[in-house]
Amino acid sequence: MRATKSVTQFYEGSELRDLLDQCLTMTYNGIAYGRENDIDSRNGMKEFYRSLNGVPLPSCYKVAVRTRACAILKGRRKTANRGKLVSHPKPLRPMICIISGFFITARGRFFIPLRRDKYFDLQLNHHVLARLAGKKARSVTIGPGSLSFCFSEEVESIPAESVFGVDSNERNMTFGTEDVVTQINLSEGLGSSGRPGR
């Protein structure tokens, strides 16, 4: 069985701050475009993607911005379909996840494009290189001070003896097994009540 995992490398400095700020601004613009046109799919966002032609960033970031905007729009649509409207959404974290445009050299030097013929590079530490040895990084999530590499690897499948589920929102928290489910009403403090599962 293949499992998807990630490993994180931290970095110092503000070299990627402008990149993250630009991507965050484009993401907000994409969300506004999707809301105005009632769109939450990448195909529907083609015109928005074309509007980014004048932005002096490599295409890998523009694709990532469109993908993130669509994911946020879909999440908000699902929330609205459950009858819960969020009038003041939380500010988005400055980050971007790219699936192309980056590469790692044989000596463990990581490169991502910033502009044409301009790159940000960083020497990966021994822990990250050991985790990525023999594997291909499928994506990298760039955040303030951190790079998170996503990869997949074969893991041994372990049969589950039981299943325990947890679900929470701003009103309550529900957790339990197939036999017993417990719900805690968060709006009234820390009271709890048990009830048999369906």
C-alpha atoms as a PDB file:
ATOM      1  CA  MET A   1       0.000   0.000   0.000  1.00  0.00           C
ATOM      2  CA  ARG A   2       1.282   3.463  -0.884  1.00  0.00           C
ATOM      3  CA  ALA A   3       0.968   6.265   1.648  1.00  0.00           C
ATOM      4  CA  THR A   4       1.372   9.996   1.086  1.00  0.00           C
ATOM      5  CA  LYS A   5       3.743  11.678   3.539  1.00  0.00           C
ATOM      6  CA  SER A   6       5.551  14.973   3.929  1.00  0.00           C
ATOM      7  CA  VAL A   7       8.819  16.256   5.309  1.00  0.00           C
ATOM      8  CA  THR A   8       9.574  19.871   6.225  1.00  0.00           C
ATOM      9  CA  GLN A   9      12.679  22.007   5.836  1.00  0.00           C
ATOM     10  CA  PHE A  10      12.868  25.369   7.594  1.00  0.00           C
ATOM     11  CA  TYR A  11      14.661  28.375   6.181  1.00  0.00           C
ATOM     12  CA  GLU A  12      15.587  31.823   7.421  1.00  0.00           C
ATOM     13  CA  GLY A  13      15.232  35.192   5.723  1.00  0.00           C
ATOM     14  CA  SER A  14      12.536  36.974   3.729  1.00  0.00           C
ATOM     15  CA  GLU A  15      13.578  36.059   0.189  1.00  0.00           C
ATOM     16  CA  LEU A  16      10.215  34.427  -0.551  1.00  0.00           C
ATOM     17  CA  ARG A  17       8.048  37.071   1.140  1.00  0.00           C
ATOM     18  CA  ASP A  18       7.272  38.964  -2.092  1.00  0.00           C
ATOM     19  CA  LEU A  19       6.391  35.700  -3.853  1.00  0.00           C
ATOM     20  CA  LEU A  20       4.000  34.667  -1.078  1.00  0.00           C
ATOM     21  CA  ASP A  21       2.410  38.130  -0.971  1.00  0.00           C
ATOM     22  CA  GLN A  22       1.795  38.090  -4.719  1.00  0.00           C
ATOM     23  CA  CYS A  23       0.331  34.580  -4.615  1.00  0.00           C
ATOM     24  CA  LEU A  24      -1.913  35.535  -1.698  1.00  0.00           C
ATOM     25  CA  THR A  25      -3.205  38.606  -3.553  1.00  0.00           C
ATOM     26  CA  MET A  26      -3.898  36.514  -6.666  1.00  0.00           C
ATOM     27  CA  THR A  27      -5.698  33.915  -4.542  1.00  0.00           C
ATOM     28  CA  TYR A  28      -8.012  36.557  -3.071  1.00  0.00           C
ATOM     29  CA  ASN A  29      -8.646  37.873  -6.594  1.00  0.00           C
ATOM     30  CA  GLY A  30      -9.463  34.347  -7.747  1.00  0.00           C
ATOM     31  CA  ILE A  31     -11.924  33.871  -4.884  1.00  0.00           C
ATOM     32  CA  ALA A  32     -13.589  37.192  -5.721  1.00  0.00           C
ATOM     33  CA  TYR A  33     -13.818  36.203  -9.399  1.00  0.00           C
ATOM     34  CA  GLY A  34     -15.340  32.826  -8.508  1.00  0.00           C
ATOM     35  CA  ARG A  35     -17.915  34.391  -6.184  1.00  0.00           C
ATOM     36  CA  GLU A  36     -18.905  37.032  -8.722  1.00  0.00           C
ATOM     37  CA  ASN A  37     -19.368  34.428 -11.466  1.00  0.00           C
ATOM     38  CA  ASP A  38     -20.632  31.564  -9.253  1.00  0.00           C
ATOM     39  CA  ILE A  39     -17.697  29.336 -10.265  1.00  0.00           C
ATOM     40  CA  ASP A  40     -15.647  26.892  -8.202  1.00  0.00           C
ATOM     41  CA  SER A  41     -14.003  24.668 -10.848  1.00  0.00           C
ATOM     42  CA  ARG A  42     -10.672  25.030 -12.608  1.00  0.00           C
ATOM     43  CA  ASN A  43     -12.317  24.846 -16.042  1.00  0.00           C
ATOM     44  CA  GLY A  44     -14.665  27.646 -15.063  1.00  0.00           C
ATOM     45  CA  MET A  45     -11.693  29.743 -13.941  1.00  0.00           C
ATOM     46  CA  LYS A  46     -10.031  29.779 -17.385  1.00  0.00           C
ATOM     47  CA  GLU A  47     -10.722  33.470 -17.903  1.00  0.00           C
ATOM     48  CA  PHE A  48      -9.284  34.297 -14.513  1.00  0.00           C
ATOM     49  CA  TYR A  49      -6.176  32.283 -15.367  1.00  0.00           C
ATOM     50  CA  ARG A  50      -5.799  34.208 -18.635  1.00  0.00           C
ATOM     51  CA  SER A  51      -6.062  37.474 -16.707  1.00  0.00           C
ATOM     52  CA  LEU A  52      -2.817  36.542 -14.919  1.00  0.00           C
ATOM     53  CA  ASN A  53      -0.786  36.674 -18.145  1.00  0.00           C
ATOM     54  CA  GLY A  54       0.584  40.079 -17.192  1.00  0.00           C
ATOM     55  CA  VAL A  55       1.799  38.929 -13.772  1.00  0.00           C
ATOM     56  CA  PRO A  56       5.598  38.404 -13.959  1.00  0.00           C
ATOM     57  CA  LEU A  57       5.578  35.033 -12.198  1.00  0.00           C
ATOM     58  CA  PRO A  58       6.215  31.524 -13.596  1.00  0.00           C
ATOM     59  CA  SER A  59       3.071  29.629 -14.617  1.00  0.00           C
ATOM     60  CA  CYS A  60       3.476  27.033 -11.838  1.00  0.00           C
ATOM     61  CA  TYR A  61       2.376  29.656  -9.285  1.00  0.00           C
ATOM     62  CA  LYS A  62      -0.595  30.808 -11.385  1.00  0.00           C
ATOM     63  CA  VAL A  63      -1.833  27.217 -11.681  1.00  0.00           C
ATOM     64  CA  ALA A  64      -1.400  26.775  -7.919  1.00  0.00           C
ATOM     65  CA  VAL A  65      -3.297  30.007  -7.197  1.00  0.00           C
ATOM     66  CA  ARG A  66      -6.228  28.893  -9.334  1.00  0.00           C
ATOM     67  CA  THR A  67      -6.268  25.477  -7.648  1.00  0.00           C
ATOM     68  CA  ARG A  68      -6.227  26.976  -4.156  1.00  0.00           C
ATOM     69  CA  ALA A  69      -8.947  29.515  -4.972  1.00  0.00           C
ATOM     70  CA  CYS A  70     -11.181  26.733  -6.325  1.00  0.00           C
ATOM     71  CA  ALA A  71     -10.616  24.583  -3.226  1.00  0.00           C
ATOM     72  CA  ILE A  72     -11.585  27.480  -0.944  1.00  0.00           C
ATOM     73  CA  LEU A  73     -14.674  28.278  -3.032  1.00  0.00           C
ATOM     74  CA  LYS A  74     -15.784  24.629  -2.963  1.00  0.00           C
ATOM     75  CA  GLY A  75     -15.289  24.488   0.805  1.00  0.00           C
ATOM     76  CA  ARG A  76     -17.363  27.609   1.334  1.00  0.00           C
ATOM     77  CA  ARG A  77     -20.074  26.275  -0.984  1.00  0.00           C
ATOM     78  CA  LYS A  78     -20.274  23.056   1.050  1.00  0.00           C
ATOM     79  CA  THR A  79     -20.525  25.088   4.249  1.00  0.00           C
ATOM     80  CA  ALA A  80     -23.324  27.181   2.766  1.00  0.00           C
ATOM     81  CA  ASN A  81     -25.145  24.025   1.611  1.00  0.00           C
ATOM     82  CA  ARG A  82     -25.159  22.866   5.235  1.00  0.00           C
ATOM     83  CA  GLY A  83     -26.909  26.098   6.161  1.00  0.00           C
ATOM     84  CA  LYS A  84     -23.919  27.746   7.803  1.00  0.00           C
ATOM     85  CA  LEU A  85     -22.890  31.078   6.325  1.00  0.00           C
ATOM     86  CA  VAL A  86     -19.555  32.618   7.291  1.00  0.00           C
ATOM     87  CA  SER A  87     -19.862  36.394   6.999  1.00  0.00           C
ATOM     88  CA  HIS A  88     -16.250  37.074   8.001  1.00  0.00           C
ATOM     89  CA  PRO A  89     -13.971  34.263   6.759  1.00  0.00           C
ATOM     90  CA  LYS A  90     -10.614  33.878   8.477  1.00  0.00           C
ATOM     91  CA  PRO A  91      -7.677  35.523   6.658  1.00  0.00           C
ATOM     92  CA  LEU A  92      -5.804  33.126   4.407  1.00  0.00           C
ATOM     93  CA  ARG A  93      -2.337  32.011   5.381  1.00  0.00           C
ATOM     94  CA  PRO A  94       0.403  33.162   2.992  1.00  0.00           C
ATOM     95  CA  MET A  95       1.387  29.878   1.321  1.00  0.00           C
ATOM     96  CA  ILE A  96       1.389  28.237  -2.082  1.00  0.00           C
ATOM     97  CA  CYS A  97       1.644  24.595  -3.179  1.00  0.00           C
ATOM     98  CA  ILE A  98       3.293  23.911  -6.535  1.00  0.00           C
ATOM     99  CA  ILE A  99       3.516  20.577  -8.358  1.00  0.00           C
ATOM    100  CA  SER A 100       5.995  21.634 -11.068  1.00  0.00           C
ATOM    101  CA  GLY A 101       8.762  24.134 -11.735  1.00  0.00           C
ATOM    102  CA  PHE A 102      11.007  23.048  -8.841  1.00  0.00           C
ATOM    103  CA  PHE A 103      13.899  20.603  -8.822  1.00  0.00           C
ATOM    104  CA  ILE A 104      16.469  19.055  -6.499  1.00  0.00           C
ATOM    105  CA  THR A 105      20.024  18.478  -7.683  1.00  0.00           C
ATOM    106  CA  ALA A 106      22.020  15.303  -7.088  1.00  0.00           C
ATOM    107  CA  ARG A 107      23.833  17.083  -4.263  1.00  0.00           C
ATOM    108  CA  GLY A 108      20.601  18.033  -2.514  1.00  0.00           C
ATOM    109  CA  ARG A 109      20.284  21.646  -3.624  1.00  0.00           C
ATOM    110  CA  PHE A 110      16.663  22.740  -3.974  1.00  0.00           C
ATOM    111  CA  PHE A 111      15.625  25.315  -6.601  1.00  0.00           C
ATOM    112  CA  ILE A 112      12.341  27.117  -7.271  1.00  0.00           C
ATOM    113  CA  PRO A 113      11.851  29.838  -9.914  1.00  0.00           C
ATOM    114  CA  LEU A 114      11.110  33.416  -8.873  1.00  0.00           C
ATOM    115  CA  ARG A 115      11.332  35.137 -12.253  1.00  0.00           C
ATOM    116  CA  ARG A 116      12.766  34.228 -15.611  1.00  0.00           C
ATOM    117  CA  ASP A 117      16.379  33.139 -15.008  1.00  0.00           C
ATOM    118  CA  LYS A 118      16.095  33.923 -11.285  1.00  0.00           C
ATOM    119  CA  TYR A 119      15.829  31.182  -8.679  1.00  0.00           C
ATOM    120  CA  PHE A 120      15.630  30.741  -4.932  1.00  0.00           C
ATOM    121  CA  ASP A 121      17.920  27.915  -3.844  1.00  0.00           C
ATOM    122  CA  LEU A 122      18.522  26.163  -0.554  1.00  0.00           C
ATOM    123  CA  GLN A 123      20.660  23.265   0.587  1.00  0.00           C
ATOM    124  CA  LEU A 124      18.384  20.574   2.000  1.00  0.00           C
ATOM    125  CA  ASN A 125      19.392  19.127   5.360  1.00  0.00           C
ATOM    126  CA  HIS A 126      20.345  15.494   5.973  1.00  0.00           C
ATOM    127  CA  HIS A 127      16.954  14.578   7.462  1.00  0.00           C
ATOM    128  CA  VAL A 128      14.997  15.823   4.419  1.00  0.00           C
ATOM    129  CA  LEU A 129      17.430  14.198   1.983  1.00  0.00           C
ATOM    130  CA  ALA A 130      17.186  10.898   3.854  1.00  0.00           C
ATOM    131  CA  ARG A 131      13.366  10.960   3.728  1.00  0.00           C
ATOM    132  CA  LEU A 132      13.376  11.812   0.016  1.00  0.00           C
ATOM    133  CA  ALA A 133      16.110   9.318  -0.927  1.00  0.00           C
ATOM    134  CA  GLY A 134      14.900   7.168  -3.841  1.00  0.00           C
ATOM    135  CA  LYS A 135      11.564   9.018  -3.998  1.00  0.00           C
ATOM    136  CA  LYS A 136      10.196  11.830  -6.108  1.00  0.00           C
ATOM    137  CA  ALA A 137       8.807  14.936  -4.425  1.00  0.00           C
ATOM    138  CA  ARG A 138       5.287  15.250  -5.850  1.00  0.00           C
ATOM    139  CA  SER A 139       4.766  18.806  -4.639  1.00  0.00           C
ATOM    140  CA  VAL A 140       6.266  21.453  -2.386  1.00  0.00           C
ATOM    141  CA  THR A 141       4.275  23.791  -0.151  1.00  0.00           C
ATOM    142  CA  ILE A 142       6.016  27.118   0.361  1.00  0.00           C
ATOM    143  CA  GLY A 143       5.211  28.996   3.550  1.00  0.00           C
ATOM    144  CA  PRO A 144       6.804  31.736   5.631  1.00  0.00           C
ATOM    145  CA  GLY A 145       9.974  30.082   6.857  1.00  0.00           C
ATOM    146  CA  SER A 146       9.201  26.524   5.756  1.00  0.00           C
ATOM    147  CA  LEU A 147       9.155  24.214   2.734  1.00  0.00           C
ATOM    148  CA  SER A 148       7.057  21.060   2.968  1.00  0.00           C
ATOM    149  CA  PHE A 149       7.787  18.283   0.468  1.00  0.00           C
ATOM    150  CA  CYS A 150       5.049  15.761  -0.327  1.00  0.00           C
ATOM    151  CA  PHE A 151       6.052  12.261  -1.423  1.00  0.00           C
ATOM    152  CA  SER A 152       4.628   8.745  -1.464  1.00  0.00           C
ATOM    153  CA  GLU A 153       6.149   5.464  -0.329  1.00  0.00           C
ATOM    154  CA  GLU A 154       5.191   1.851   0.225  1.00  0.00           C
ATOM    155  CA  VAL A 155       4.069   1.048   3.773  1.00  0.00           C
ATOM    156  CA  GLU A 156       3.010  -2.183   5.415  1.00  0.00           C
ATOM    157  CA  SER A 157      -0.748  -2.498   5.720  1.00  0.00           C
ATOM    158  CA  ILE A 158      -1.946  -3.122   9.290  1.00  0.00           C
ATOM    159  CA  PRO A 159      -5.499  -4.483   9.719  1.00  0.00           C
ATOM    160  CA  ALA A 160      -7.675  -2.228  11.874  1.00  0.00           C
ATOM    161  CA  GLU A 161      -9.137  -3.868  14.968  1.00  0.00           C
ATOM    162  CA  SER A 162     -11.586  -1.027  15.578  1.00  0.00           C
ATOM    163  CA  VAL A 163     -12.551   2.359  14.169  1.00  0.00           C
ATOM    164  CA  PHE A 164     -12.842   5.551  16.215  1.00  0.00           C
ATOM    165  CA  GLY A 165     -14.284   8.708  14.628  1.00  0.00           C
ATOM    166  CA  VAL A 166     -14.148  12.386  15.596  1.00  0.00           C
ATOM    167  CA  ASP A 167     -16.168  15.267  14.138  1.00  0.00           C
ATOM    168  CA  SER A 168     -16.257  18.833  15.433  1.00  0.00           C
ATOM    169  CA  ASN A 169     -17.558  22.280  14.555  1.00  0.00           C
ATOM    170  CA  GLU A 170     -18.180  25.535  16.397  1.00  0.00           C
ATOM    171  CA  ARG A 171     -21.288  24.112  18.142  1.00  0.00           C
ATOM    172  CA  ASN A 172     -20.376  20.599  19.190  1.00  0.00           C
ATOM    173  CA  MET A 173     -17.876  17.760  19.116  1.00  0.00           C
ATOM    174  CA  THR A 174     -18.910  14.189  18.373  1.00  0.00           C
ATOM    175  CA  PHE A 175     -16.695  11.132  18.800  1.00  0.00           C
ATOM    176  CA  GLY A 176     -17.008   7.409  19.336  1.00  0.00           C
ATOM    177  CA  THR A 177     -17.156   3.929  17.818  1.00  0.00           C
ATOM    178  CA  GLU A 178     -19.845   1.971  15.978  1.00  0.00           C
ATOM    179  CA  ASP A 179     -21.321   1.005  19.350  1.00  0.00           C
ATOM    180  CA  VAL A 180     -21.162   4.205  21.411  1.00  0.00           C
ATOM    181  CA  VAL A 181     -21.133   7.842  20.295  1.00  0.00           C
ATOM    182  CA  THR A 182     -20.547  10.789  22.636  1.00  0.00           C
ATOM    183  CA  GLN A 183     -21.492  14.357  21.818  1.00  0.00           C
ATOM    184  CA  ILE A 184     -20.219  17.437  23.669  1.00  0.00           C
ATOM    185  CA  ASN A 185     -22.208  20.650  23.289  1.00  0.00           C
ATOM    186  CA  LEU A 186     -19.534  23.342  22.996  1.00  0.00           C
ATOM    187  CA  SER A 187     -22.026  26.205  23.005  1.00  0.00           C
ATOM    188  CA  GLU A 188     -23.113  25.347  26.555  1.00  0.00           C
ATOM    189  CA  GLY A 189     -19.754  24.597  28.136  1.00  0.00           C
ATOM    190  CA  LEU A 190     -18.265  21.211  28.920  1.00  0.00           C
ATOM    191  CA  GLY A 191     -21.330  19.066  29.396  1.00  0.00           C
ATOM    192  CA  SER A 192     -21.437  15.696  27.572  1.00  0.00           C
ATOM    193  CA  SER A 193     -24.005  13.029  26.889  1.00  0.00           C
ATOM    194  CA  GLY A 194     -23.586   9.544  25.571  1.00  0.00           C
ATOM    195  CA  ARG A 195     -25.932   7.955  23.093  1.00  0.00           C
ATOM    196  CA  PRO A 196     -25.833   4.658  21.207  1.00  0.00           C
ATOM    197  CA  GLY A 197     -24.586   4.836  17.622  1.00  0.00           C
ATOM    198  CA  ARG A 198     -26.890   4.184  14.742  1.00  0.00           C
END
